Amino acid sequence: MTGTASPIVFIIDDDAGMRAAIQGLVKTVGLRAESFATPQDFFRRNPSGGPSCLVLDVRLPEIGGLDVQRKLADAGVKIPIIFITGHGDIPMSVKAMKSGAVEFLTKPFRHQDLLDAIQLALQRDRESQLEQEQIADLQKRYRTLTAREREVMGLVVSGMRNKEIASELGTSEITVKVHRGQVMHKMEAASVGELGRMAEKLKLPPTK
């Protein structure tokens, strides 16, 4: 859960002095920080349980920062990234931002600019983790529905009335009302609108 672990800032930079400086800066605002000389060292670390972000140097000896960003995305690791570089250019920064980077800072950067970017990245990760927890909870509720209740739910959120659903399923309107009530109860939905939002979060296929 997002509330059980404190935020942590990861730093990848092959410059030991830069790693130490950023780590020290991060600690001045009460945040934990871990630094790595290579992406490989970072990849070997166990995932963080709480909100986190990655301060990543663009130019590294063996694998570039943009490649690290791609590898993380391919692995399904959704950690917000702040790029730092001493030799950045506009095409590089555009590519990084289009791929989801929070910020692209050119050395030397203002300490406050980096701290602001870190706070933004951590907030983004908190929101992402919270959303994933909510989706996991919705999936758990959805699994409690019977096959017929799932059918009814799909038809309800598509805007069909009980009478129309009964005709579609070849059953009685009373039976549909019972199934509908079970769906609302099991999904813990207070309204059809809320049920519809749940269906969107679950990415349920539209019912024709």
N, C-alpha and C. Protein backbone atom coordinates (compact mmCIF):
# COMPACT_ATOMS: atom_id res chain seq x y z
N MET A 1 0.84 -1.19 0.00
CA MET A 1 0.00 0.00 0.00
C MET A 1 0.88 1.25 0.00
N THR A 2 0.36 2.33 -0.54
CA THR A 2 1.17 3.52 -0.68
C THR A 2 1.55 4.13 0.67
N GLY A 3 0.75 3.90 1.70
CA GLY A 3 1.02 4.55 2.96
C GLY A 3 1.97 3.81 3.87
N THR A 4 2.41 2.61 3.50
CA THR A 4 3.21 1.80 4.40
C THR A 4 4.71 2.01 4.24
N ALA A 5 5.15 2.67 3.20
CA ALA A 5 6.58 2.90 2.98
C ALA A 5 6.81 4.36 2.64
N SER A 6 7.91 4.91 3.16
CA SER A 6 8.21 6.31 2.90
C SER A 6 8.75 6.48 1.49
N PRO A 7 8.58 7.69 0.92
CA PRO A 7 9.05 7.94 -0.45
C PRO A 7 10.56 7.77 -0.54
N ILE A 8 11.01 7.39 -1.73
CA ILE A 8 12.45 7.23 -1.95
C ILE A 8 12.82 7.75 -3.33
N VAL A 9 13.97 8.41 -3.40
CA VAL A 9 14.48 8.95 -4.66
C VAL A 9 15.69 8.13 -5.07
N PHE A 10 15.64 7.56 -6.27
CA PHE A 10 16.78 6.82 -6.81
C PHE A 10 17.57 7.72 -7.75
N ILE A 11 18.87 7.56 -7.72
CA ILE A 11 19.75 8.39 -8.54
C ILE A 11 20.70 7.48 -9.32
N ILE A 12 20.76 7.67 -10.63
CA ILE A 12 21.73 6.95 -11.45
C ILE A 12 22.60 7.96 -12.18
N ASP A 13 23.89 7.98 -11.83
CA ASP A 13 24.85 8.90 -12.47
C ASP A 13 26.23 8.30 -12.31
N ASP A 14 27.01 8.29 -13.37
CA ASP A 14 28.34 7.68 -13.28
C ASP A 14 29.34 8.60 -12.60
N ASP A 15 28.93 9.86 -12.33
CA ASP A 15 29.80 10.82 -11.64
C ASP A 15 29.54 10.71 -10.13
N ALA A 16 30.54 10.21 -9.40
CA ALA A 16 30.38 10.00 -7.96
C ALA A 16 30.06 11.29 -7.23
N GLY A 17 30.70 12.39 -7.65
CA GLY A 17 30.47 13.68 -7.01
C GLY A 17 29.04 14.15 -7.21
N MET A 18 28.52 13.97 -8.41
CA MET A 18 27.15 14.36 -8.70
C MET A 18 26.16 13.50 -7.92
N ARG A 19 26.43 12.21 -7.83
CA ARG A 19 25.55 11.32 -7.05
C ARG A 19 25.48 11.78 -5.60
N ALA A 20 26.64 12.06 -5.03
CA ALA A 20 26.70 12.47 -3.62
C ALA A 20 25.99 13.81 -3.42
N ALA A 21 26.16 14.73 -4.36
CA ALA A 21 25.55 16.05 -4.24
C ALA A 21 24.03 15.96 -4.28
N ILE A 22 23.52 15.17 -5.22
CA ILE A 22 22.06 15.04 -5.34
C ILE A 22 21.49 14.31 -4.13
N GLN A 23 22.19 13.27 -3.70
CA GLN A 23 21.73 12.51 -2.54
C GLN A 23 21.67 13.41 -1.31
N GLY A 24 22.69 14.23 -1.14
CA GLY A 24 22.72 15.16 -0.01
C GLY A 24 21.60 16.18 -0.10
N LEU A 25 21.36 16.69 -1.31
CA LEU A 25 20.29 17.67 -1.52
C LEU A 25 18.93 17.07 -1.18
N VAL A 26 18.70 15.87 -1.63
CA VAL A 26 17.42 15.20 -1.38
C VAL A 26 17.20 15.00 0.12
N LYS A 27 18.24 14.65 0.82
CA LYS A 27 18.11 14.41 2.26
C LYS A 27 17.82 15.69 3.04
N THR A 28 18.17 16.86 2.48
CA THR A 28 17.90 18.12 3.18
C THR A 28 16.41 18.41 3.29
N VAL A 29 15.61 17.78 2.42
CA VAL A 29 14.16 17.98 2.50
C VAL A 29 13.46 16.76 3.10
N GLY A 30 14.24 15.92 3.79
CA GLY A 30 13.68 14.81 4.54
C GLY A 30 13.29 13.59 3.74
N LEU A 31 13.84 13.45 2.54
CA LEU A 31 13.52 12.30 1.72
C LEU A 31 14.66 11.29 1.72
N ARG A 32 14.32 10.02 1.60
CA ARG A 32 15.35 8.98 1.47
C ARG A 32 15.88 8.99 0.05
N ALA A 33 17.13 8.61 -0.10
CA ALA A 33 17.73 8.56 -1.42
C ALA A 33 18.72 7.40 -1.50
N GLU A 34 18.77 6.77 -2.66
CA GLU A 34 19.76 5.73 -2.94
C GLU A 34 20.37 6.03 -4.30
N SER A 35 21.69 5.91 -4.39
CA SER A 35 22.36 6.24 -5.65
C SER A 35 23.08 5.04 -6.23
N PHE A 36 23.21 5.05 -7.55
CA PHE A 36 23.83 3.94 -8.28
C PHE A 36 24.73 4.50 -9.37
N ALA A 37 25.88 3.84 -9.58
CA ALA A 37 26.82 4.28 -10.61
C ALA A 37 26.38 3.81 -11.99
N THR A 38 25.64 2.70 -12.04
CA THR A 38 25.21 2.14 -13.32
C THR A 38 23.75 1.72 -13.27
N PRO A 39 23.07 1.69 -14.41
CA PRO A 39 21.69 1.19 -14.45
C PRO A 39 21.60 -0.26 -14.00
N GLN A 40 22.64 -1.05 -14.30
CA GLN A 40 22.63 -2.46 -13.91
C GLN A 40 22.51 -2.62 -12.40
N ASP A 41 23.22 -1.75 -11.66
CA ASP A 41 23.13 -1.79 -10.20
C ASP A 41 21.70 -1.48 -9.74
N PHE A 42 21.07 -0.52 -10.42
CA PHE A 42 19.70 -0.15 -10.08
C PHE A 42 18.73 -1.28 -10.40
N PHE A 43 18.92 -1.94 -11.54
CA PHE A 43 18.03 -3.02 -11.95
C PHE A 43 18.07 -4.19 -10.96
N ARG A 44 19.21 -4.35 -10.29
CA ARG A 44 19.34 -5.46 -9.34
C ARG A 44 18.65 -5.19 -8.01
N ARG A 45 18.25 -3.94 -7.79
CA ARG A 45 17.62 -3.59 -6.53
C ARG A 45 16.18 -4.08 -6.50
N ASN A 46 15.72 -4.50 -5.33
CA ASN A 46 14.33 -4.91 -5.18
C ASN A 46 13.42 -3.70 -5.32
N PRO A 47 12.23 -3.87 -5.88
CA PRO A 47 11.31 -2.73 -6.07
C PRO A 47 10.97 -2.05 -4.75
N SER A 48 10.71 -0.75 -4.83
CA SER A 48 10.32 0.01 -3.65
C SER A 48 8.83 -0.18 -3.40
N GLY A 49 8.44 -0.27 -2.12
CA GLY A 49 7.03 -0.45 -1.80
C GLY A 49 6.24 0.85 -1.79
N GLY A 50 6.93 1.97 -1.61
CA GLY A 50 6.25 3.24 -1.53
C GLY A 50 6.48 4.09 -2.76
N PRO A 51 6.02 5.34 -2.73
CA PRO A 51 6.23 6.23 -3.87
C PRO A 51 7.72 6.42 -4.14
N SER A 52 8.08 6.48 -5.40
CA SER A 52 9.50 6.65 -5.74
C SER A 52 9.62 7.38 -7.06
N CYS A 53 10.82 7.86 -7.33
CA CYS A 53 11.12 8.45 -8.62
C CYS A 53 12.60 8.22 -8.91
N LEU A 54 12.98 8.48 -10.15
CA LEU A 54 14.35 8.21 -10.58
C LEU A 54 14.96 9.45 -11.20
N VAL A 55 16.08 9.90 -10.62
CA VAL A 55 16.87 10.98 -11.20
C VAL A 55 17.94 10.30 -12.05
N LEU A 56 17.87 10.49 -13.35
CA LEU A 56 18.65 9.68 -14.29
C LEU A 56 19.50 10.53 -15.22
N ASP A 57 20.80 10.26 -15.23
CA ASP A 57 21.70 10.95 -16.16
C ASP A 57 21.45 10.43 -17.57
N VAL A 58 21.39 11.32 -18.53
CA VAL A 58 21.11 10.91 -19.91
C VAL A 58 22.28 10.13 -20.50
N ARG A 59 23.49 10.63 -20.26
CA ARG A 59 24.68 10.03 -20.89
C ARG A 59 25.43 9.17 -19.87
N LEU A 60 25.34 7.87 -20.05
CA LEU A 60 26.04 6.92 -19.19
C LEU A 60 26.95 6.05 -20.06
N PRO A 61 28.02 5.51 -19.50
CA PRO A 61 29.03 4.80 -20.30
C PRO A 61 28.51 3.62 -21.13
N GLU A 62 27.70 2.75 -20.54
CA GLU A 62 27.33 1.52 -21.24
C GLU A 62 25.92 1.57 -21.83
N ILE A 63 24.99 2.15 -21.11
CA ILE A 63 23.60 2.22 -21.59
C ILE A 63 23.07 3.62 -21.30
N GLY A 64 22.56 4.29 -22.31
CA GLY A 64 22.09 5.66 -22.14
C GLY A 64 20.81 5.76 -21.34
N GLY A 65 20.57 6.95 -20.82
CA GLY A 65 19.38 7.17 -20.00
C GLY A 65 18.08 6.90 -20.74
N LEU A 66 18.02 7.28 -22.02
CA LEU A 66 16.81 7.03 -22.79
C LEU A 66 16.57 5.53 -22.97
N ASP A 67 17.66 4.76 -23.09
CA ASP A 67 17.52 3.30 -23.19
C ASP A 67 17.04 2.72 -21.87
N VAL A 68 17.51 3.29 -20.76
CA VAL A 68 17.04 2.85 -19.44
C VAL A 68 15.54 3.11 -19.32
N GLN A 69 15.11 4.29 -19.76
CA GLN A 69 13.70 4.63 -19.73
C GLN A 69 12.88 3.62 -20.52
N ARG A 70 13.38 3.25 -21.70
CA ARG A 70 12.66 2.29 -22.54
C ARG A 70 12.62 0.91 -21.90
N LYS A 71 13.75 0.47 -21.32
CA LYS A 71 13.80 -0.85 -20.68
C LYS A 71 12.83 -0.92 -19.51
N LEU A 72 12.75 0.14 -18.73
CA LEU A 72 11.83 0.16 -17.60
C LEU A 72 10.38 0.08 -18.09
N ALA A 73 10.08 0.84 -19.15
CA ALA A 73 8.72 0.83 -19.70
C ALA A 73 8.38 -0.56 -20.25
N ASP A 74 9.34 -1.18 -20.95
CA ASP A 74 9.11 -2.52 -21.51
C ASP A 74 8.86 -3.55 -20.41
N ALA A 75 9.49 -3.32 -19.24
CA ALA A 75 9.34 -4.25 -18.12
C ALA A 75 8.11 -3.95 -17.27
N GLY A 76 7.38 -2.89 -17.65
CA GLY A 76 6.17 -2.52 -16.91
C GLY A 76 6.45 -1.77 -15.62
N VAL A 77 7.68 -1.24 -15.49
CA VAL A 77 8.04 -0.47 -14.29
C VAL A 77 7.68 0.99 -14.54
N LYS A 78 6.67 1.48 -13.83
CA LYS A 78 6.15 2.83 -14.09
C LYS A 78 6.69 3.85 -13.09
N ILE A 79 8.00 3.96 -13.02
CA ILE A 79 8.60 4.92 -12.11
C ILE A 79 8.80 6.26 -12.82
N PRO A 80 8.34 7.36 -12.23
CA PRO A 80 8.55 8.67 -12.86
C PRO A 80 10.04 9.00 -12.95
N ILE A 81 10.46 9.55 -14.08
CA ILE A 81 11.89 9.82 -14.32
C ILE A 81 12.14 11.30 -14.53
N ILE A 82 13.20 11.78 -13.87
CA ILE A 82 13.70 13.13 -14.07
C ILE A 82 15.08 13.00 -14.71
N PHE A 83 15.22 13.48 -15.94
CA PHE A 83 16.51 13.39 -16.62
C PHE A 83 17.39 14.58 -16.28
N ILE A 84 18.67 14.31 -16.11
CA ILE A 84 19.66 15.37 -15.94
C ILE A 84 20.77 15.12 -16.95
N THR A 85 21.33 16.19 -17.48
CA THR A 85 22.41 16.03 -18.46
C THR A 85 23.27 17.28 -18.55
N GLY A 86 24.51 17.07 -18.91
CA GLY A 86 25.41 18.18 -19.15
C GLY A 86 25.51 18.51 -20.62
N HIS A 87 24.93 17.64 -21.45
CA HIS A 87 25.04 17.80 -22.90
C HIS A 87 23.71 17.55 -23.58
N GLY A 88 22.65 18.05 -23.01
CA GLY A 88 21.33 17.80 -23.58
C GLY A 88 21.08 18.59 -24.84
N ASP A 89 20.21 18.09 -25.68
CA ASP A 89 19.77 18.87 -26.84
C ASP A 89 18.26 18.77 -26.93
N ILE A 90 17.67 19.62 -27.76
CA ILE A 90 16.22 19.69 -27.83
C ILE A 90 15.58 18.38 -28.30
N PRO A 91 16.06 17.75 -29.38
CA PRO A 91 15.44 16.47 -29.80
C PRO A 91 15.47 15.42 -28.69
N MET A 92 16.57 15.37 -27.95
CA MET A 92 16.70 14.39 -26.87
C MET A 92 15.67 14.67 -25.78
N SER A 93 15.53 15.94 -25.41
CA SER A 93 14.59 16.29 -24.34
C SER A 93 13.15 16.04 -24.78
N VAL A 94 12.85 16.34 -26.05
CA VAL A 94 11.51 16.10 -26.58
C VAL A 94 11.18 14.61 -26.53
N LYS A 95 12.14 13.76 -26.93
CA LYS A 95 11.94 12.31 -26.92
C LYS A 95 11.69 11.82 -25.50
N ALA A 96 12.48 12.34 -24.55
CA ALA A 96 12.34 11.92 -23.15
C ALA A 96 10.97 12.31 -22.60
N MET A 97 10.54 13.53 -22.88
CA MET A 97 9.27 14.00 -22.36
C MET A 97 8.09 13.27 -23.00
N LYS A 98 8.19 13.00 -24.30
CA LYS A 98 7.13 12.26 -24.98
C LYS A 98 6.99 10.85 -24.43
N SER A 99 8.11 10.32 -23.92
CA SER A 99 8.09 8.97 -23.35
C SER A 99 7.67 8.97 -21.88
N GLY A 100 7.28 10.14 -21.37
CA GLY A 100 6.72 10.20 -20.03
C GLY A 100 7.59 10.79 -18.94
N ALA A 101 8.75 11.33 -19.31
CA ALA A 101 9.62 11.93 -18.29
C ALA A 101 8.93 13.10 -17.61
N VAL A 102 9.22 13.29 -16.33
CA VAL A 102 8.63 14.39 -15.58
C VAL A 102 9.33 15.71 -15.91
N GLU A 103 10.66 15.65 -16.04
CA GLU A 103 11.45 16.87 -16.29
C GLU A 103 12.76 16.50 -16.97
N PHE A 104 13.34 17.48 -17.64
CA PHE A 104 14.63 17.30 -18.32
C PHE A 104 15.47 18.52 -17.95
N LEU A 105 16.43 18.33 -17.05
CA LEU A 105 17.23 19.44 -16.54
C LEU A 105 18.66 19.38 -17.07
N THR A 106 19.16 20.53 -17.47
CA THR A 106 20.53 20.62 -17.97
C THR A 106 21.45 21.13 -16.87
N LYS A 107 22.55 20.42 -16.65
CA LYS A 107 23.54 20.85 -15.67
C LYS A 107 24.25 22.11 -16.17
N PRO A 108 24.59 23.06 -15.26
CA PRO A 108 24.18 23.06 -13.84
C PRO A 108 22.74 23.55 -13.70
N PHE A 109 21.97 22.86 -12.89
CA PHE A 109 20.58 23.24 -12.68
C PHE A 109 20.42 23.81 -11.27
N ARG A 110 19.37 24.59 -11.08
CA ARG A 110 19.08 25.14 -9.76
C ARG A 110 18.60 24.01 -8.85
N HIS A 111 19.08 24.01 -7.63
CA HIS A 111 18.68 22.97 -6.68
C HIS A 111 17.16 22.91 -6.53
N GLN A 112 16.55 24.11 -6.48
CA GLN A 112 15.09 24.15 -6.28
C GLN A 112 14.35 23.54 -7.46
N ASP A 113 14.89 23.71 -8.67
CA ASP A 113 14.24 23.13 -9.85
C ASP A 113 14.22 21.61 -9.74
N LEU A 114 15.33 21.03 -9.27
CA LEU A 114 15.38 19.58 -9.11
C LEU A 114 14.43 19.12 -8.00
N LEU A 115 14.44 19.83 -6.89
CA LEU A 115 13.56 19.46 -5.78
C LEU A 115 12.08 19.57 -6.18
N ASP A 116 11.75 20.60 -6.95
CA ASP A 116 10.36 20.76 -7.41
C ASP A 116 9.97 19.59 -8.31
N ALA A 117 10.90 19.20 -9.19
CA ALA A 117 10.64 18.08 -10.11
C ALA A 117 10.48 16.78 -9.33
N ILE A 118 11.29 16.60 -8.29
CA ILE A 118 11.21 15.39 -7.47
C ILE A 118 9.86 15.32 -6.75
N GLN A 119 9.42 16.43 -6.18
CA GLN A 119 8.13 16.45 -5.49
C GLN A 119 6.99 16.16 -6.46
N LEU A 120 7.08 16.70 -7.67
CA LEU A 120 6.05 16.45 -8.68
C LEU A 120 6.04 14.97 -9.06
N ALA A 121 7.25 14.41 -9.23
CA ALA A 121 7.36 13.00 -9.62
C ALA A 121 6.82 12.08 -8.54
N LEU A 122 7.13 12.36 -7.29
CA LEU A 122 6.65 11.54 -6.18
C LEU A 122 5.13 11.62 -6.07
N GLN A 123 4.57 12.82 -6.27
CA GLN A 123 3.12 12.97 -6.22
C GLN A 123 2.46 12.18 -7.35
N ARG A 124 3.09 12.22 -8.52
CA ARG A 124 2.57 11.47 -9.66
C ARG A 124 2.57 9.97 -9.36
N ASP A 125 3.64 9.50 -8.70
CA ASP A 125 3.74 8.08 -8.38
C ASP A 125 2.74 7.69 -7.30
N ARG A 126 2.52 8.57 -6.32
CA ARG A 126 1.51 8.30 -5.29
C ARG A 126 0.14 8.10 -5.94
N GLU A 127 -0.20 9.00 -6.85
CA GLU A 127 -1.50 8.93 -7.51
C GLU A 127 -1.60 7.66 -8.36
N SER A 128 -0.51 7.30 -9.03
CA SER A 128 -0.49 6.10 -9.86
C SER A 128 -0.68 4.84 -9.01
N GLN A 129 0.03 4.79 -7.88
CA GLN A 129 -0.08 3.63 -7.00
C GLN A 129 -1.49 3.52 -6.41
N LEU A 130 -2.05 4.67 -6.03
CA LEU A 130 -3.40 4.67 -5.46
C LEU A 130 -4.41 4.16 -6.50
N GLU A 131 -4.25 4.61 -7.74
CA GLU A 131 -5.14 4.16 -8.80
C GLU A 131 -5.01 2.66 -9.02
N GLN A 132 -3.79 2.15 -9.00
CA GLN A 132 -3.58 0.71 -9.18
C GLN A 132 -4.21 -0.09 -8.05
N GLU A 133 -4.13 0.44 -6.83
CA GLU A 133 -4.76 -0.24 -5.69
C GLU A 133 -6.28 -0.26 -5.85
N GLN A 134 -6.84 0.86 -6.32
CA GLN A 134 -8.28 0.93 -6.52
C GLN A 134 -8.73 -0.05 -7.60
N ILE A 135 -7.95 -0.13 -8.67
CA ILE A 135 -8.29 -1.06 -9.76
C ILE A 135 -8.21 -2.50 -9.27
N ALA A 136 -7.18 -2.81 -8.48
CA ALA A 136 -7.05 -4.17 -7.93
C ALA A 136 -8.25 -4.52 -7.06
N ASP A 137 -8.72 -3.54 -6.29
CA ASP A 137 -9.89 -3.77 -5.43
C ASP A 137 -11.15 -3.99 -6.28
N LEU A 138 -11.30 -3.19 -7.35
CA LEU A 138 -12.44 -3.35 -8.24
C LEU A 138 -12.41 -4.72 -8.94
N GLN A 139 -11.23 -5.15 -9.33
CA GLN A 139 -11.09 -6.47 -9.97
C GLN A 139 -11.50 -7.58 -9.01
N LYS A 140 -11.15 -7.40 -7.74
CA LYS A 140 -11.53 -8.39 -6.73
C LYS A 140 -13.05 -8.45 -6.59
N ARG A 141 -13.70 -7.29 -6.58
CA ARG A 141 -15.16 -7.26 -6.48
C ARG A 141 -15.79 -7.87 -7.73
N TYR A 142 -15.24 -7.53 -8.89
CA TYR A 142 -15.81 -8.01 -10.16
C TYR A 142 -15.75 -9.53 -10.25
N ARG A 143 -14.70 -10.11 -9.69
CA ARG A 143 -14.56 -11.58 -9.72
C ARG A 143 -15.63 -12.28 -8.91
N THR A 144 -16.30 -11.55 -7.99
CA THR A 144 -17.36 -12.16 -7.19
C THR A 144 -18.68 -12.24 -7.96
N LEU A 145 -18.78 -11.57 -9.10
CA LEU A 145 -20.01 -11.59 -9.88
C LEU A 145 -20.13 -12.91 -10.65
N THR A 146 -21.35 -13.39 -10.77
CA THR A 146 -21.60 -14.56 -11.61
C THR A 146 -21.53 -14.13 -13.08
N ALA A 147 -21.50 -15.10 -13.97
CA ALA A 147 -21.45 -14.80 -15.39
C ALA A 147 -22.66 -13.97 -15.83
N ARG A 148 -23.84 -14.31 -15.32
CA ARG A 148 -25.06 -13.57 -15.67
C ARG A 148 -25.02 -12.16 -15.10
N GLU A 149 -24.51 -12.03 -13.86
CA GLU A 149 -24.41 -10.69 -13.25
C GLU A 149 -23.45 -9.80 -14.05
N ARG A 150 -22.40 -10.38 -14.59
CA ARG A 150 -21.47 -9.61 -15.42
C ARG A 150 -22.17 -9.15 -16.70
N GLU A 151 -22.99 -10.03 -17.26
CA GLU A 151 -23.76 -9.66 -18.45
C GLU A 151 -24.68 -8.48 -18.12
N VAL A 152 -25.38 -8.60 -17.01
CA VAL A 152 -26.31 -7.54 -16.60
C VAL A 152 -25.56 -6.23 -16.35
N MET A 153 -24.42 -6.32 -15.69
CA MET A 153 -23.63 -5.12 -15.43
C MET A 153 -23.25 -4.43 -16.73
N GLY A 154 -22.80 -5.21 -17.71
CA GLY A 154 -22.42 -4.63 -19.00
C GLY A 154 -23.57 -3.93 -19.68
N LEU A 155 -24.75 -4.52 -19.60
CA LEU A 155 -25.93 -3.94 -20.24
C LEU A 155 -26.42 -2.71 -19.48
N VAL A 156 -26.32 -2.76 -18.14
CA VAL A 156 -26.74 -1.60 -17.33
C VAL A 156 -25.88 -0.38 -17.64
N VAL A 157 -24.55 -0.58 -17.67
CA VAL A 157 -23.66 0.57 -17.89
C VAL A 157 -23.71 1.05 -19.34
N SER A 158 -24.28 0.21 -20.24
CA SER A 158 -24.43 0.65 -21.64
C SER A 158 -25.65 1.54 -21.81
N GLY A 159 -26.44 1.64 -20.72
CA GLY A 159 -27.60 2.54 -20.74
C GLY A 159 -28.94 1.86 -20.94
N MET A 160 -28.95 0.54 -20.98
CA MET A 160 -30.22 -0.17 -21.19
C MET A 160 -31.06 -0.22 -19.92
N ARG A 161 -32.38 -0.18 -20.09
CA ARG A 161 -33.31 -0.28 -18.97
C ARG A 161 -33.57 -1.75 -18.66
N ASN A 162 -34.15 -1.97 -17.48
CA ASN A 162 -34.42 -3.35 -17.05
C ASN A 162 -35.25 -4.13 -18.08
N LYS A 163 -36.28 -3.47 -18.62
CA LYS A 163 -37.14 -4.13 -19.59
C LYS A 163 -36.34 -4.53 -20.84
N GLU A 164 -35.46 -3.64 -21.28
CA GLU A 164 -34.65 -3.91 -22.46
C GLU A 164 -33.65 -5.04 -22.19
N ILE A 165 -33.08 -5.02 -20.98
CA ILE A 165 -32.12 -6.06 -20.60
C ILE A 165 -32.82 -7.42 -20.55
N ALA A 166 -34.03 -7.44 -19.99
CA ALA A 166 -34.80 -8.68 -19.90
C ALA A 166 -35.04 -9.25 -21.30
N SER A 167 -35.40 -8.37 -22.24
CA SER A 167 -35.64 -8.81 -23.61
C SER A 167 -34.35 -9.33 -24.25
N GLU A 168 -33.25 -8.63 -23.99
CA GLU A 168 -31.95 -9.01 -24.54
C GLU A 168 -31.51 -10.38 -24.03
N LEU A 169 -31.75 -10.65 -22.75
CA LEU A 169 -31.28 -11.89 -22.13
C LEU A 169 -32.33 -13.01 -22.16
N GLY A 170 -33.54 -12.67 -22.59
CA GLY A 170 -34.59 -13.68 -22.64
C GLY A 170 -35.05 -14.12 -21.26
N THR A 171 -35.15 -13.16 -20.35
CA THR A 171 -35.57 -13.48 -18.99
C THR A 171 -36.61 -12.46 -18.55
N SER A 172 -37.07 -12.56 -17.30
CA SER A 172 -38.10 -11.64 -16.81
C SER A 172 -37.47 -10.37 -16.25
N GLU A 173 -38.27 -9.31 -16.22
CA GLU A 173 -37.80 -8.03 -15.68
C GLU A 173 -37.48 -8.15 -14.20
N ILE A 174 -38.26 -8.96 -13.49
CA ILE A 174 -38.02 -9.16 -12.06
C ILE A 174 -36.65 -9.81 -11.84
N THR A 175 -36.34 -10.81 -12.66
CA THR A 175 -35.04 -11.48 -12.54
C THR A 175 -33.90 -10.49 -12.80
N VAL A 176 -34.10 -9.63 -13.78
CA VAL A 176 -33.08 -8.62 -14.09
C VAL A 176 -32.89 -7.69 -12.89
N LYS A 177 -33.98 -7.30 -12.26
CA LYS A 177 -33.90 -6.42 -11.09
C LYS A 177 -33.09 -7.07 -9.97
N VAL A 178 -33.29 -8.39 -9.79
CA VAL A 178 -32.55 -9.12 -8.75
C VAL A 178 -31.05 -9.13 -9.09
N HIS A 179 -30.74 -9.46 -10.34
CA HIS A 179 -29.33 -9.47 -10.75
C HIS A 179 -28.70 -8.09 -10.63
N ARG A 180 -29.46 -7.09 -11.03
CA ARG A 180 -28.96 -5.72 -10.97
C ARG A 180 -28.66 -5.32 -9.53
N GLY A 181 -29.56 -5.69 -8.63
CA GLY A 181 -29.34 -5.39 -7.21
C GLY A 181 -28.10 -6.07 -6.67
N GLN A 182 -27.88 -7.32 -7.10
CA GLN A 182 -26.69 -8.06 -6.68
C GLN A 182 -25.42 -7.40 -7.20
N VAL A 183 -25.48 -6.93 -8.45
CA VAL A 183 -24.32 -6.26 -9.05
C VAL A 183 -23.98 -4.99 -8.26
N MET A 184 -24.99 -4.18 -7.98
CA MET A 184 -24.76 -2.93 -7.24
C MET A 184 -24.19 -3.22 -5.85
N HIS A 185 -24.71 -4.28 -5.22
CA HIS A 185 -24.26 -4.65 -3.87
C HIS A 185 -22.83 -5.17 -3.88
N LYS A 186 -22.54 -6.11 -4.76
CA LYS A 186 -21.20 -6.71 -4.80
C LYS A 186 -20.13 -5.72 -5.25
N MET A 187 -20.49 -4.84 -6.18
CA MET A 187 -19.51 -3.85 -6.67
C MET A 187 -19.44 -2.63 -5.75
N GLU A 188 -20.36 -2.57 -4.78
CA GLU A 188 -20.42 -1.44 -3.83
C GLU A 188 -20.59 -0.12 -4.57
N ALA A 189 -21.49 -0.14 -5.54
CA ALA A 189 -21.78 1.06 -6.33
C ALA A 189 -23.05 1.73 -5.82
N ALA A 190 -22.99 3.03 -5.60
CA ALA A 190 -24.15 3.75 -5.07
C ALA A 190 -25.09 4.22 -6.17
N SER A 191 -24.61 4.21 -7.42
CA SER A 191 -25.43 4.67 -8.54
C SER A 191 -24.96 4.01 -9.82
N VAL A 192 -25.80 4.10 -10.84
CA VAL A 192 -25.42 3.56 -12.15
C VAL A 192 -24.21 4.31 -12.70
N GLY A 193 -24.17 5.62 -12.44
CA GLY A 193 -23.04 6.42 -12.89
C GLY A 193 -21.72 5.93 -12.28
N GLU A 194 -21.76 5.62 -10.98
CA GLU A 194 -20.57 5.11 -10.32
C GLU A 194 -20.19 3.74 -10.87
N LEU A 195 -21.20 2.92 -11.15
CA LEU A 195 -20.95 1.60 -11.73
C LEU A 195 -20.29 1.75 -13.11
N GLY A 196 -20.73 2.76 -13.86
CA GLY A 196 -20.14 3.02 -15.17
C GLY A 196 -18.69 3.41 -15.06
N ARG A 197 -18.37 4.22 -14.06
CA ARG A 197 -16.96 4.63 -13.86
C ARG A 197 -16.10 3.43 -13.47
N MET A 198 -16.69 2.53 -12.71
CA MET A 198 -15.98 1.31 -12.33
C MET A 198 -15.68 0.48 -13.58
N ALA A 199 -16.68 0.37 -14.45
CA ALA A 199 -16.50 -0.40 -15.68
C ALA A 199 -15.38 0.20 -16.54
N GLU A 200 -15.30 1.53 -16.56
CA GLU A 200 -14.25 2.21 -17.32
C GLU A 200 -12.88 1.89 -16.74
N LYS A 201 -12.78 1.94 -15.41
CA LYS A 201 -11.49 1.63 -14.77
C LYS A 201 -11.08 0.18 -15.00
N LEU A 202 -12.08 -0.69 -15.06
CA LEU A 202 -11.81 -2.11 -15.29
C LEU A 202 -11.55 -2.40 -16.77
N LYS A 203 -11.79 -1.37 -17.61
CA LYS A 203 -11.62 -1.51 -19.06
C LYS A 203 -12.46 -2.67 -19.61
N LEU A 204 -13.69 -2.74 -19.14
CA LEU A 204 -14.59 -3.76 -19.64
C LEU A 204 -14.99 -3.45 -21.08
N PRO A 205 -15.05 -4.45 -21.94
CA PRO A 205 -15.44 -4.20 -23.34
C PRO A 205 -16.87 -3.69 -23.41
N PRO A 206 -17.16 -2.73 -24.28
CA PRO A 206 -18.54 -2.21 -24.38
C PRO A 206 -19.53 -3.29 -24.80
N THR A 207 -20.71 -3.24 -24.21
CA THR A 207 -21.75 -4.20 -24.54
C THR A 207 -22.70 -3.57 -25.56
N LYS A 208 -22.89 -4.26 -26.67
CA LYS A 208 -23.74 -3.73 -27.73
C LYS A 208 -25.21 -3.96 -27.40
